[in-house]
Amino acid sequence: GIDGIRVGIADSFFWDGCENGIAEAVKLAIDQLGRAGAIVKEAKFPEAQEAFNVFCEGGISGIEFRAFLDHALPDWIETLDPVNGPPVKAAGQVPARDYLVRLWRLKAAGQAARTRFDDVDVIACPTVQVTPPVMTPPTPETFWQTNRAIVHNLVCGNFLVLCAATLPIGLDRLGMPVGLQLIAKGGDDEKLVAIACAAERVLGTPHERLGVPPMCQ
């Protein structure tokens, strides 16, 4: 059950960019968990901003992917698409010092992030801040701008070695699905799944929360 589960409400980093009623839908779901017995409290999580900063600076995966291609599949580099090709090629010019500094920053932030779960079992926030965009042929500029908006609340889970689950909890003002993300300490996967299942028993299944998709009616 959800009774007694400590749910921290993530700080403004996770909420300020929400659009089309996404924040309101997620807060209603968190309030519903609180009325069912969860202990809801504020939760500071500044390390998420540091993880996103590293991501916006280029992260580490592109550098590691480029190193893999150079070693195993060098002929593939010239075949990459126009969106992903330029950053992968640019990753080959990133100094080792920059790569190592990013790793050290993420390690320090990850260690600090673990302490945020001393007082809460999970930290709750919107899964994605923005309504799913209309699919159009992307330019590199529009793709990466959209990509940053979509993964804004997701980067910290990967970069800080945490675990997370998402529950569909409603529709935004444009009728698109909204998710409640529950973030937990790295290694607490089994505990997180149990909490997510308990939350779903309170909130309802995706079918109950979202209804039938329009094109499936």
N, C-alpha and C. Protein backbone atom coordinates (compact mmCIF):
# COMPACT_ATOMS: atom_id res chain seq x y z
N GLY A 1 0.81 -1.20 0.00
CA GLY A 1 0.00 0.00 0.00
C GLY A 1 0.85 1.26 0.00
N ILE A 2 0.20 2.37 -0.30
CA ILE A 2 0.92 3.64 -0.38
C ILE A 2 1.01 4.31 0.99
N ASP A 3 0.25 3.82 1.96
CA ASP A 3 0.22 4.44 3.28
C ASP A 3 1.62 4.45 3.91
N GLY A 4 2.07 5.65 4.30
CA GLY A 4 3.37 5.79 4.95
C GLY A 4 4.54 5.95 4.00
N ILE A 5 4.34 5.76 2.70
CA ILE A 5 5.41 5.97 1.73
C ILE A 5 5.75 7.46 1.67
N ARG A 6 7.03 7.78 1.76
CA ARG A 6 7.47 9.18 1.78
C ARG A 6 7.73 9.65 0.34
N VAL A 7 6.89 10.57 -0.12
CA VAL A 7 6.98 11.08 -1.48
C VAL A 7 7.45 12.53 -1.43
N GLY A 8 8.62 12.78 -1.98
CA GLY A 8 9.14 14.14 -2.05
C GLY A 8 8.71 14.82 -3.33
N ILE A 9 8.25 16.06 -3.22
CA ILE A 9 7.90 16.84 -4.41
C ILE A 9 9.16 17.54 -4.90
N ALA A 10 9.58 17.23 -6.11
CA ALA A 10 10.82 17.78 -6.66
C ALA A 10 10.75 19.30 -6.73
N ASP A 11 11.92 19.94 -6.73
CA ASP A 11 11.97 21.40 -6.73
C ASP A 11 11.66 21.99 -8.10
N SER A 12 11.77 23.30 -8.20
CA SER A 12 11.25 24.04 -9.35
C SER A 12 11.92 23.65 -10.67
N PHE A 13 13.12 23.12 -10.65
CA PHE A 13 13.79 22.71 -11.88
C PHE A 13 12.89 21.80 -12.71
N PHE A 14 12.13 20.95 -12.06
CA PHE A 14 11.31 19.95 -12.73
C PHE A 14 9.94 20.48 -13.15
N TRP A 15 9.58 21.68 -12.71
CA TRP A 15 8.23 22.17 -12.92
C TRP A 15 8.14 23.43 -13.77
N ASP A 16 9.16 24.27 -13.74
CA ASP A 16 9.04 25.61 -14.31
C ASP A 16 8.78 25.61 -15.81
N GLY A 17 9.23 24.59 -16.53
CA GLY A 17 9.04 24.56 -17.97
C GLY A 17 7.80 23.82 -18.43
N CYS A 18 6.94 23.43 -17.50
CA CYS A 18 5.76 22.65 -17.88
C CYS A 18 4.76 23.51 -18.66
N GLU A 19 4.10 22.89 -19.63
CA GLU A 19 3.14 23.60 -20.46
C GLU A 19 1.82 22.86 -20.52
N ASN A 20 0.79 23.54 -20.95
CA ASN A 20 -0.51 22.95 -21.26
C ASN A 20 -1.13 22.15 -20.12
N GLY A 21 -0.92 22.63 -18.87
CA GLY A 21 -1.57 21.99 -17.73
C GLY A 21 -0.90 20.73 -17.23
N ILE A 22 0.32 20.45 -17.68
CA ILE A 22 1.02 19.23 -17.26
C ILE A 22 1.32 19.29 -15.76
N ALA A 23 1.84 20.41 -15.28
CA ALA A 23 2.17 20.52 -13.85
C ALA A 23 0.94 20.32 -12.99
N GLU A 24 -0.17 20.93 -13.40
CA GLU A 24 -1.39 20.82 -12.60
C GLU A 24 -1.88 19.37 -12.53
N ALA A 25 -1.80 18.64 -13.64
CA ALA A 25 -2.23 17.24 -13.66
C ALA A 25 -1.38 16.38 -12.73
N VAL A 26 -0.07 16.63 -12.75
CA VAL A 26 0.83 15.83 -11.90
C VAL A 26 0.61 16.17 -10.43
N LYS A 27 0.43 17.44 -10.12
CA LYS A 27 0.21 17.83 -8.72
C LYS A 27 -1.09 17.24 -8.19
N LEU A 28 -2.12 17.16 -9.02
CA LEU A 28 -3.37 16.53 -8.60
C LEU A 28 -3.14 15.06 -8.26
N ALA A 29 -2.33 14.37 -9.05
CA ALA A 29 -2.03 12.96 -8.78
C ALA A 29 -1.27 12.81 -7.47
N ILE A 30 -0.29 13.69 -7.23
CA ILE A 30 0.47 13.63 -5.98
C ILE A 30 -0.45 13.91 -4.79
N ASP A 31 -1.35 14.87 -4.94
CA ASP A 31 -2.32 15.15 -3.87
C ASP A 31 -3.18 13.93 -3.59
N GLN A 32 -3.55 13.22 -4.64
CA GLN A 32 -4.36 12.01 -4.46
C GLN A 32 -3.60 10.96 -3.67
N LEU A 33 -2.30 10.82 -3.93
CA LEU A 33 -1.48 9.88 -3.16
C LEU A 33 -1.42 10.31 -1.70
N GLY A 34 -1.31 11.64 -1.47
CA GLY A 34 -1.29 12.13 -0.10
C GLY A 34 -2.58 11.83 0.63
N ARG A 35 -3.71 12.00 -0.02
CA ARG A 35 -4.99 11.71 0.62
C ARG A 35 -5.14 10.22 0.92
N ALA A 36 -4.43 9.38 0.16
CA ALA A 36 -4.49 7.93 0.37
C ALA A 36 -3.52 7.46 1.45
N GLY A 37 -2.73 8.38 2.02
CA GLY A 37 -1.86 8.00 3.12
C GLY A 37 -0.38 8.20 2.90
N ALA A 38 0.02 8.58 1.67
CA ALA A 38 1.44 8.86 1.45
C ALA A 38 1.85 10.12 2.23
N ILE A 39 3.08 10.15 2.66
CA ILE A 39 3.63 11.31 3.38
C ILE A 39 4.29 12.20 2.33
N VAL A 40 3.67 13.30 2.00
CA VAL A 40 4.15 14.18 0.93
C VAL A 40 4.88 15.36 1.54
N LYS A 41 6.08 15.63 1.03
CA LYS A 41 6.90 16.73 1.54
C LYS A 41 7.73 17.32 0.41
N GLU A 42 8.26 18.50 0.62
CA GLU A 42 9.15 19.10 -0.36
C GLU A 42 10.49 18.35 -0.37
N ALA A 43 11.15 18.32 -1.52
CA ALA A 43 12.44 17.62 -1.62
C ALA A 43 13.39 18.43 -2.48
N LYS A 44 14.49 18.87 -1.90
CA LYS A 44 15.51 19.57 -2.67
C LYS A 44 16.30 18.57 -3.50
N PHE A 45 16.63 18.97 -4.73
CA PHE A 45 17.34 18.06 -5.64
C PHE A 45 18.18 18.87 -6.62
N PRO A 46 19.11 19.70 -6.13
CA PRO A 46 19.88 20.57 -7.02
C PRO A 46 20.80 19.82 -7.97
N GLU A 47 21.12 18.59 -7.65
CA GLU A 47 22.02 17.82 -8.51
C GLU A 47 21.42 17.57 -9.89
N ALA A 48 20.09 17.62 -9.99
CA ALA A 48 19.45 17.45 -11.29
C ALA A 48 19.87 18.55 -12.26
N GLN A 49 19.99 19.77 -11.76
CA GLN A 49 20.43 20.89 -12.61
C GLN A 49 21.86 20.67 -13.09
N GLU A 50 22.73 20.18 -12.22
CA GLU A 50 24.11 19.92 -12.62
C GLU A 50 24.16 18.84 -13.69
N ALA A 51 23.36 17.80 -13.54
CA ALA A 51 23.34 16.74 -14.55
C ALA A 51 22.87 17.29 -15.89
N PHE A 52 21.85 18.14 -15.87
CA PHE A 52 21.35 18.71 -17.11
C PHE A 52 22.38 19.65 -17.73
N ASN A 53 23.13 20.38 -16.90
CA ASN A 53 24.19 21.25 -17.42
C ASN A 53 25.22 20.43 -18.18
N VAL A 54 25.63 19.30 -17.61
CA VAL A 54 26.60 18.44 -18.29
C VAL A 54 26.03 17.92 -19.60
N PHE A 55 24.77 17.55 -19.57
CA PHE A 55 24.10 17.08 -20.80
C PHE A 55 24.14 18.16 -21.88
N CYS A 56 23.81 19.39 -21.50
CA CYS A 56 23.76 20.48 -22.48
C CYS A 56 25.16 20.84 -23.00
N GLU A 57 26.18 20.56 -22.21
CA GLU A 57 27.56 20.81 -22.65
C GLU A 57 28.05 19.74 -23.61
N GLY A 58 27.26 18.70 -23.80
CA GLY A 58 27.65 17.64 -24.72
C GLY A 58 27.64 16.26 -24.08
N GLY A 59 27.56 16.23 -22.76
CA GLY A 59 27.48 14.95 -22.07
C GLY A 59 28.71 14.09 -22.25
N ILE A 60 28.54 12.80 -22.07
CA ILE A 60 29.66 11.86 -22.20
C ILE A 60 29.38 10.75 -23.21
N SER A 61 28.09 10.47 -23.47
CA SER A 61 27.77 9.32 -24.32
C SER A 61 28.23 9.55 -25.76
N GLY A 62 28.14 10.80 -26.25
CA GLY A 62 28.59 11.05 -27.60
C GLY A 62 30.08 10.81 -27.78
N ILE A 63 30.85 11.17 -26.76
CA ILE A 63 32.30 10.95 -26.80
C ILE A 63 32.60 9.46 -26.79
N GLU A 64 31.91 8.73 -25.93
CA GLU A 64 32.13 7.28 -25.84
C GLU A 64 31.68 6.58 -27.12
N PHE A 65 30.56 7.05 -27.69
CA PHE A 65 30.08 6.46 -28.94
C PHE A 65 31.07 6.71 -30.07
N ARG A 66 31.62 7.92 -30.12
CA ARG A 66 32.61 8.23 -31.16
C ARG A 66 33.85 7.36 -30.99
N ALA A 67 34.28 7.15 -29.75
CA ALA A 67 35.45 6.29 -29.52
C ALA A 67 35.17 4.86 -29.98
N PHE A 68 33.94 4.39 -29.72
CA PHE A 68 33.56 3.05 -30.17
C PHE A 68 33.59 2.96 -31.69
N LEU A 69 33.02 3.97 -32.37
CA LEU A 69 33.02 3.95 -33.83
C LEU A 69 34.44 3.97 -34.38
N ASP A 70 35.29 4.84 -33.81
CA ASP A 70 36.67 4.90 -34.27
C ASP A 70 37.36 3.55 -34.15
N HIS A 71 37.03 2.82 -33.08
CA HIS A 71 37.70 1.56 -32.82
C HIS A 71 37.11 0.40 -33.64
N ALA A 72 35.77 0.34 -33.73
CA ALA A 72 35.11 -0.84 -34.27
C ALA A 72 34.47 -0.64 -35.63
N LEU A 73 33.95 0.57 -35.90
CA LEU A 73 33.19 0.78 -37.13
C LEU A 73 33.51 2.14 -37.74
N PRO A 74 34.75 2.40 -38.05
CA PRO A 74 35.12 3.74 -38.54
C PRO A 74 34.41 4.14 -39.83
N ASP A 75 34.09 3.18 -40.68
CA ASP A 75 33.43 3.52 -41.94
C ASP A 75 32.00 4.02 -41.75
N TRP A 76 31.42 3.78 -40.57
CA TRP A 76 30.04 4.18 -40.33
C TRP A 76 29.92 5.69 -40.10
N ILE A 77 30.99 6.33 -39.69
CA ILE A 77 30.90 7.74 -39.29
C ILE A 77 30.36 8.60 -40.41
N GLU A 78 30.79 8.36 -41.63
CA GLU A 78 30.34 9.18 -42.76
C GLU A 78 28.92 8.84 -43.20
N THR A 79 28.35 7.77 -42.68
CA THR A 79 26.99 7.38 -43.08
C THR A 79 25.94 7.89 -42.10
N LEU A 80 26.34 8.56 -41.03
CA LEU A 80 25.38 9.04 -40.03
C LEU A 80 24.47 10.11 -40.62
N ASP A 81 23.26 10.19 -40.10
CA ASP A 81 22.27 11.14 -40.63
C ASP A 81 22.67 12.58 -40.31
N PRO A 82 22.07 13.56 -41.00
CA PRO A 82 22.46 14.96 -40.84
C PRO A 82 22.20 15.53 -39.45
N VAL A 83 21.32 14.91 -38.68
CA VAL A 83 21.04 15.41 -37.33
C VAL A 83 22.10 14.91 -36.35
N ASN A 84 22.39 13.62 -36.37
CA ASN A 84 23.32 13.04 -35.40
C ASN A 84 24.77 13.05 -35.87
N GLY A 85 24.98 13.14 -37.17
CA GLY A 85 26.35 13.11 -37.68
C GLY A 85 27.24 14.21 -37.14
N PRO A 86 26.83 15.50 -37.23
CA PRO A 86 27.72 16.57 -36.78
C PRO A 86 28.16 16.47 -35.32
N PRO A 87 27.25 16.20 -34.35
CA PRO A 87 27.74 16.10 -32.97
C PRO A 87 28.65 14.89 -32.74
N VAL A 88 28.39 13.79 -33.45
CA VAL A 88 29.27 12.62 -33.29
C VAL A 88 30.65 12.93 -33.84
N LYS A 89 30.70 13.62 -34.99
CA LYS A 89 32.00 13.99 -35.54
C LYS A 89 32.71 14.99 -34.63
N ALA A 90 31.95 15.96 -34.07
CA ALA A 90 32.55 16.95 -33.17
C ALA A 90 33.06 16.31 -31.90
N ALA A 91 32.44 15.20 -31.48
CA ALA A 91 32.87 14.53 -30.25
C ALA A 91 34.31 14.04 -30.35
N GLY A 92 34.76 13.79 -31.58
CA GLY A 92 36.14 13.35 -31.76
C GLY A 92 37.16 14.42 -31.44
N GLN A 93 36.71 15.68 -31.30
CA GLN A 93 37.62 16.78 -31.01
C GLN A 93 37.55 17.24 -29.55
N VAL A 94 36.73 16.59 -28.73
CA VAL A 94 36.62 16.97 -27.33
C VAL A 94 37.88 16.52 -26.58
N PRO A 95 38.57 17.42 -25.89
CA PRO A 95 39.77 17.03 -25.16
C PRO A 95 39.47 16.00 -24.06
N ALA A 96 40.41 15.12 -23.82
CA ALA A 96 40.24 14.13 -22.75
C ALA A 96 39.98 14.81 -21.41
N ARG A 97 40.60 15.99 -21.22
CA ARG A 97 40.41 16.71 -19.96
C ARG A 97 38.92 17.04 -19.76
N ASP A 98 38.25 17.54 -20.81
CA ASP A 98 36.84 17.89 -20.69
C ASP A 98 35.99 16.66 -20.37
N TYR A 99 36.29 15.56 -21.02
CA TYR A 99 35.56 14.32 -20.78
C TYR A 99 35.71 13.89 -19.32
N LEU A 100 36.94 13.90 -18.81
CA LEU A 100 37.18 13.48 -17.44
C LEU A 100 36.53 14.42 -16.43
N VAL A 101 36.59 15.72 -16.70
CA VAL A 101 35.96 16.68 -15.79
C VAL A 101 34.45 16.43 -15.72
N ARG A 102 33.83 16.16 -16.87
CA ARG A 102 32.39 15.87 -16.86
C ARG A 102 32.10 14.62 -16.05
N LEU A 103 32.92 13.59 -16.18
CA LEU A 103 32.73 12.37 -15.40
C LEU A 103 32.85 12.66 -13.91
N TRP A 104 33.86 13.44 -13.52
CA TRP A 104 34.05 13.77 -12.10
C TRP A 104 32.88 14.58 -11.56
N ARG A 105 32.39 15.53 -12.37
CA ARG A 105 31.24 16.33 -11.94
C ARG A 105 30.01 15.44 -11.72
N LEU A 106 29.78 14.51 -12.63
CA LEU A 106 28.62 13.64 -12.48
C LEU A 106 28.79 12.68 -11.31
N LYS A 107 30.00 12.22 -11.07
CA LYS A 107 30.22 11.33 -9.93
C LYS A 107 29.94 12.06 -8.62
N ALA A 108 30.43 13.30 -8.51
CA ALA A 108 30.19 14.08 -7.29
C ALA A 108 28.70 14.38 -7.12
N ALA A 109 28.04 14.75 -8.21
CA ALA A 109 26.61 15.04 -8.14
C ALA A 109 25.82 13.79 -7.81
N GLY A 110 26.23 12.66 -8.36
CA GLY A 110 25.53 11.40 -8.07
C GLY A 110 25.65 11.00 -6.61
N GLN A 111 26.83 11.18 -6.04
CA GLN A 111 27.02 10.86 -4.63
C GLN A 111 26.16 11.76 -3.75
N ALA A 112 26.09 13.04 -4.10
CA ALA A 112 25.25 13.97 -3.34
C ALA A 112 23.77 13.64 -3.52
N ALA A 113 23.40 13.22 -4.72
CA ALA A 113 21.99 12.92 -4.99
C ALA A 113 21.49 11.76 -4.14
N ARG A 114 22.34 10.80 -3.84
CA ARG A 114 21.92 9.66 -3.03
C ARG A 114 21.44 10.10 -1.66
N THR A 115 22.03 11.17 -1.13
CA THR A 115 21.64 11.62 0.20
C THR A 115 20.26 12.25 0.20
N ARG A 116 19.76 12.65 -0.96
CA ARG A 116 18.42 13.25 -1.04
C ARG A 116 17.33 12.24 -0.71
N PHE A 117 17.68 10.96 -0.70
CA PHE A 117 16.70 9.93 -0.43
C PHE A 117 16.79 9.40 1.00
N ASP A 118 17.52 10.11 1.85
CA ASP A 118 17.55 9.74 3.26
C ASP A 118 16.21 10.03 3.93
N ASP A 119 15.51 11.06 3.47
CA ASP A 119 14.25 11.48 4.10
C ASP A 119 13.03 11.16 3.27
N VAL A 120 13.21 10.66 2.04
CA VAL A 120 12.07 10.30 1.19
C VAL A 120 12.37 8.96 0.51
N ASP A 121 11.31 8.27 0.14
CA ASP A 121 11.48 7.01 -0.59
C ASP A 121 11.59 7.26 -2.09
N VAL A 122 10.82 8.23 -2.57
CA VAL A 122 10.86 8.59 -3.98
C VAL A 122 10.71 10.10 -4.10
N ILE A 123 11.20 10.65 -5.20
CA ILE A 123 10.98 12.05 -5.53
C ILE A 123 10.07 12.09 -6.75
N ALA A 124 9.00 12.88 -6.66
CA ALA A 124 7.97 12.90 -7.69
C ALA A 124 8.04 14.18 -8.51
N CYS A 125 7.78 14.05 -9.80
CA CYS A 125 7.80 15.20 -10.70
C CYS A 125 7.11 14.80 -12.01
N PRO A 126 6.85 15.76 -12.90
CA PRO A 126 6.36 15.39 -14.23
C PRO A 126 7.42 14.56 -14.97
N THR A 127 6.98 13.59 -15.74
CA THR A 127 7.92 12.81 -16.54
C THR A 127 8.51 13.67 -17.66
N VAL A 128 7.65 14.30 -18.42
CA VAL A 128 8.06 15.19 -19.51
C VAL A 128 7.31 16.50 -19.35
N GLN A 129 8.01 17.61 -19.51
CA GLN A 129 7.41 18.92 -19.28
C GLN A 129 6.56 19.42 -20.44
N VAL A 130 6.74 18.86 -21.61
CA VAL A 130 6.12 19.43 -22.81
C VAL A 130 5.17 18.44 -23.46
N THR A 131 4.18 18.99 -24.15
CA THR A 131 3.28 18.18 -24.96
C THR A 131 4.07 17.56 -26.12
N PRO A 132 3.82 16.29 -26.46
CA PRO A 132 4.54 15.69 -27.58
C PRO A 132 4.44 16.56 -28.82
N PRO A 133 5.57 16.87 -29.45
CA PRO A 133 5.54 17.77 -30.60
C PRO A 133 5.01 17.09 -31.85
N VAL A 134 4.49 17.91 -32.74
CA VAL A 134 4.05 17.40 -34.04
C VAL A 134 5.26 16.89 -34.81
N MET A 135 5.14 15.73 -35.44
CA MET A 135 6.26 15.15 -36.16
C MET A 135 6.42 15.84 -37.50
N THR A 136 7.53 16.51 -37.69
CA THR A 136 7.89 17.15 -38.95
C THR A 136 9.34 16.82 -39.24
N PRO A 137 9.77 16.86 -40.50
CA PRO A 137 11.18 16.62 -40.80
C PRO A 137 12.06 17.61 -40.02
N PRO A 138 12.92 17.13 -39.14
CA PRO A 138 13.68 18.05 -38.29
C PRO A 138 14.92 18.60 -38.97
N THR A 139 15.28 19.80 -38.58
CA THR A 139 16.62 20.31 -38.85
C THR A 139 17.44 20.01 -37.60
N PRO A 140 18.76 20.02 -37.71
CA PRO A 140 19.56 19.80 -36.50
C PRO A 140 19.19 20.74 -35.35
N GLU A 141 18.91 22.00 -35.68
CA GLU A 141 18.59 22.98 -34.63
C GLU A 141 17.27 22.64 -33.96
N THR A 142 16.23 22.37 -34.74
CA THR A 142 14.93 22.08 -34.14
C THR A 142 14.94 20.75 -33.41
N PHE A 143 15.68 19.78 -33.94
CA PHE A 143 15.72 18.47 -33.28
C PHE A 143 16.32 18.59 -31.89
N TRP A 144 17.48 19.21 -31.77
CA TRP A 144 18.16 19.26 -30.47
C TRP A 144 17.44 20.15 -29.48
N GLN A 145 16.78 21.21 -29.97
CA GLN A 145 15.98 22.05 -29.09
C GLN A 145 14.81 21.23 -28.52
N THR A 146 14.14 20.49 -29.37
CA THR A 146 13.03 19.65 -28.91
C THR A 146 13.53 18.54 -28.01
N ASN A 147 14.65 17.96 -28.37
CA ASN A 147 15.22 16.87 -27.58
C ASN A 147 15.51 17.32 -26.16
N ARG A 148 16.09 18.50 -26.01
CA ARG A 148 16.41 19.00 -24.66
C ARG A 148 15.15 19.20 -23.84
N ALA A 149 14.09 19.69 -24.47
CA ALA A 149 12.84 19.89 -23.74
C ALA A 149 12.23 18.57 -23.30
N ILE A 150 12.31 17.56 -24.17
CA ILE A 150 11.71 16.26 -23.85
C ILE A 150 12.46 15.56 -22.72
N VAL A 151 13.78 15.59 -22.74
CA VAL A 151 14.56 14.82 -21.76
C VAL A 151 14.92 15.63 -20.52
N HIS A 152 14.45 16.87 -20.43
CA HIS A 152 14.82 17.76 -19.33
C HIS A 152 14.69 17.08 -17.97
N ASN A 153 13.57 16.41 -17.72
CA ASN A 153 13.34 15.79 -16.41
C ASN A 153 13.83 14.36 -16.33
N LEU A 154 14.40 13.85 -17.41
CA LEU A 154 14.82 12.45 -17.47
C LEU A 154 16.32 12.27 -17.33
N VAL A 155 17.08 13.31 -17.66
CA VAL A 155 18.54 13.20 -17.71
C VAL A 155 19.12 12.77 -16.36
N CYS A 156 18.57 13.33 -15.28
CA CYS A 156 19.18 13.07 -13.96
C CYS A 156 19.14 11.59 -13.61
N GLY A 157 18.12 10.86 -14.03
CA GLY A 157 18.04 9.45 -13.71
C GLY A 157 19.23 8.67 -14.25
N ASN A 158 19.58 8.96 -15.51
CA ASN A 158 20.71 8.26 -16.13
C ASN A 158 22.05 8.80 -15.65
N PHE A 159 22.21 10.12 -15.67
CA PHE A 159 23.51 10.70 -15.39
C PHE A 159 23.92 10.56 -13.93
N LEU A 160 22.95 10.49 -13.02
CA LEU A 160 23.26 10.40 -11.59
C LEU A 160 23.13 8.98 -11.06
N VAL A 161 22.92 8.01 -11.97
CA VAL A 161 22.84 6.58 -11.63
C VAL A 161 21.72 6.35 -10.62
N LEU A 162 20.53 6.87 -10.94
CA LEU A 162 19.34 6.64 -10.15
C LEU A 162 18.43 5.68 -10.90
N CYS A 163 17.25 5.42 -10.38
CA CYS A 163 16.26 4.65 -11.13
C CYS A 163 14.93 5.40 -11.07
N ALA A 164 14.07 5.16 -12.03
CA ALA A 164 12.82 5.91 -12.11
C ALA A 164 11.75 5.08 -12.80
N ALA A 165 10.51 5.40 -12.45
CA ALA A 165 9.35 4.80 -13.10
C ALA A 165 8.39 5.92 -13.47
N THR A 166 7.59 5.70 -14.50
CA THR A 166 6.60 6.70 -14.89
C THR A 166 5.22 6.07 -14.96
N LEU A 167 4.23 6.81 -14.48
CA LEU A 167 2.84 6.36 -14.48
C LEU A 167 1.99 7.34 -15.28
N PRO A 168 1.23 6.89 -16.26
CA PRO A 168 0.30 7.80 -16.95
C PRO A 168 -0.79 8.22 -15.97
N ILE A 169 -1.00 9.54 -15.82
CA ILE A 169 -1.96 9.99 -14.80
C ILE A 169 -3.00 10.96 -15.34
N GLY A 170 -3.02 11.24 -16.63
CA GLY A 170 -4.03 12.15 -17.14
C GLY A 170 -3.68 12.68 -18.52
N LEU A 171 -4.43 13.66 -18.95
CA LEU A 171 -4.23 14.29 -20.24
C LEU A 171 -3.99 15.78 -20.05
N ASP A 172 -3.15 16.35 -20.91
CA ASP A 172 -2.94 17.79 -20.83
C ASP A 172 -4.06 18.51 -21.59
N ARG A 173 -3.96 19.83 -21.69
CA ARG A 173 -5.04 20.60 -22.31
C ARG A 173 -5.20 20.32 -23.80
N LEU A 174 -4.19 19.69 -24.41
CA LEU A 174 -4.30 19.33 -25.83
C LEU A 174 -4.71 17.87 -26.00
N GLY A 175 -5.03 17.22 -24.89
CA GLY A 175 -5.49 15.84 -24.95
C GLY A 175 -4.40 14.80 -25.07
N MET A 176 -3.16 15.19 -24.76
CA MET A 176 -2.04 14.25 -24.85
C MET A 176 -1.66 13.73 -23.47
N PRO A 177 -1.13 12.50 -23.37
CA PRO A 177 -0.87 11.88 -22.08
C PRO A 177 0.16 12.65 -21.25
N VAL A 178 -0.05 12.60 -19.93
CA VAL A 178 0.85 13.20 -18.95
C VAL A 178 1.34 12.10 -18.03
N GLY A 179 2.64 12.15 -17.68
CA GLY A 179 3.21 11.14 -16.81
C GLY A 179 3.67 11.69 -15.48
N LEU A 180 3.51 10.89 -14.43
CA LEU A 180 4.07 11.15 -13.11
C LEU A 180 5.34 10.32 -12.99
N GLN A 181 6.47 10.97 -12.81
CA GLN A 181 7.74 10.25 -12.66
C GLN A 181 8.08 10.12 -11.18
N LEU A 182 8.42 8.91 -10.79
CA LEU A 182 8.90 8.63 -9.44
C LEU A 182 10.36 8.23 -9.53
N ILE A 183 11.23 9.00 -8.90
CA ILE A 183 12.67 8.78 -8.95
C ILE A 183 13.11 8.18 -7.62
N ALA A 184 13.98 7.18 -7.67
CA ALA A 184 14.48 6.54 -6.45
C ALA A 184 15.99 6.41 -6.52
N LYS A 185 16.56 6.07 -5.40
CA LYS A 185 18.01 5.90 -5.31
C LYS A 185 18.47 4.73 -6.17
N GLY A 186 19.63 4.86 -6.78
CA GLY A 186 20.17 3.79 -7.59
C GLY A 186 20.28 2.50 -6.80
N GLY A 187 19.83 1.40 -7.40
CA GLY A 187 19.85 0.11 -6.73
C GLY A 187 18.55 -0.23 -6.03
N ASP A 188 17.65 0.76 -5.89
CA ASP A 188 16.37 0.53 -5.23
C ASP A 188 15.28 0.17 -6.23
N ASP A 189 15.64 -0.50 -7.31
CA ASP A 189 14.69 -0.79 -8.38
C ASP A 189 13.48 -1.59 -7.88
N GLU A 190 13.73 -2.63 -7.09
CA GLU A 190 12.63 -3.47 -6.61
C GLU A 190 11.69 -2.66 -5.72
N LYS A 191 12.26 -1.86 -4.84
CA LYS A 191 11.46 -1.00 -3.97
C LYS A 191 10.66 -0.01 -4.81
N LEU A 192 11.27 0.56 -5.82
CA LEU A 192 10.58 1.53 -6.67
C LEU A 192 9.41 0.90 -7.38
N VAL A 193 9.59 -0.31 -7.93
CA VAL A 193 8.50 -0.98 -8.63
C VAL A 193 7.34 -1.24 -7.67
N ALA A 194 7.65 -1.62 -6.43
CA ALA A 194 6.59 -1.85 -5.44
C ALA A 194 5.83 -0.57 -5.15
N ILE A 195 6.55 0.54 -5.02
CA ILE A 195 5.90 1.83 -4.76
C ILE A 195 5.06 2.26 -5.96
N ALA A 196 5.59 2.07 -7.17
CA ALA A 196 4.84 2.43 -8.37
C ALA A 196 3.56 1.61 -8.48
N CYS A 197 3.63 0.33 -8.16
CA CYS A 197 2.43 -0.51 -8.20
C CYS A 197 1.41 -0.05 -7.15
N ALA A 198 1.91 0.31 -5.96
CA ALA A 198 1.02 0.82 -4.92
C ALA A 198 0.37 2.12 -5.36
N ALA A 199 1.15 2.99 -6.00
CA ALA A 199 0.60 4.26 -6.49
C ALA A 199 -0.45 4.01 -7.57
N GLU A 200 -0.21 3.04 -8.45
CA GLU A 200 -1.17 2.75 -9.51
C GLU A 200 -2.48 2.23 -8.94
N ARG A 201 -2.40 1.47 -7.82
CA ARG A 201 -3.64 0.99 -7.21
C ARG A 201 -4.48 2.14 -6.67
N VAL A 202 -3.82 3.24 -6.29
CA VAL A 202 -4.54 4.43 -5.83
C VAL A 202 -5.03 5.25 -7.01
N LEU A 203 -4.16 5.47 -7.98
CA LEU A 203 -4.46 6.39 -9.08
C LEU A 203 -5.29 5.77 -10.18
N GLY A 204 -5.18 4.46 -10.36
CA GLY A 204 -5.87 3.79 -11.44
C GLY A 204 -4.91 3.39 -12.55
N THR A 205 -5.35 2.48 -13.39
CA THR A 205 -4.53 1.99 -14.49
C THR A 205 -4.45 3.05 -15.59
N PRO A 206 -3.51 2.90 -16.52
CA PRO A 206 -3.46 3.84 -17.65
C PRO A 206 -4.78 3.94 -18.39
N HIS A 207 -5.46 2.82 -18.59
CA HIS A 207 -6.75 2.85 -19.29
C HIS A 207 -7.77 3.67 -18.51
N GLU A 208 -7.74 3.51 -17.19
CA GLU A 208 -8.69 4.25 -16.36
C GLU A 208 -8.36 5.74 -16.31
N ARG A 209 -7.07 6.07 -16.33
CA ARG A 209 -6.68 7.47 -16.23
C ARG A 209 -6.77 8.20 -17.56
N LEU A 210 -6.44 7.51 -18.65
CA LEU A 210 -6.35 8.17 -19.95
C LEU A 210 -7.55 7.91 -20.85
N GLY A 211 -8.26 6.82 -20.61
CA GLY A 211 -9.34 6.45 -21.51
C GLY A 211 -8.79 5.74 -22.74
N VAL A 212 -9.64 5.57 -23.74
CA VAL A 212 -9.25 4.90 -24.98
C VAL A 212 -8.69 5.93 -25.95
N PRO A 213 -7.54 5.67 -26.54
CA PRO A 213 -7.00 6.62 -27.53
C PRO A 213 -8.01 6.88 -28.64
N PRO A 214 -8.11 8.14 -29.09
CA PRO A 214 -9.15 8.50 -30.08
C PRO A 214 -9.17 7.62 -31.32
N MET A 215 -8.00 7.26 -31.85
CA MET A 215 -7.97 6.47 -33.08
C MET A 215 -8.24 5.00 -32.84
N CYS A 216 -8.40 4.60 -31.56
CA CYS A 216 -8.69 3.20 -31.24
C CYS A 216 -10.16 3.00 -30.86
N GLN A 217 -10.92 4.07 -30.88
CA GLN A 217 -12.32 3.97 -30.49
C GLN A 217 -13.16 3.39 -31.62
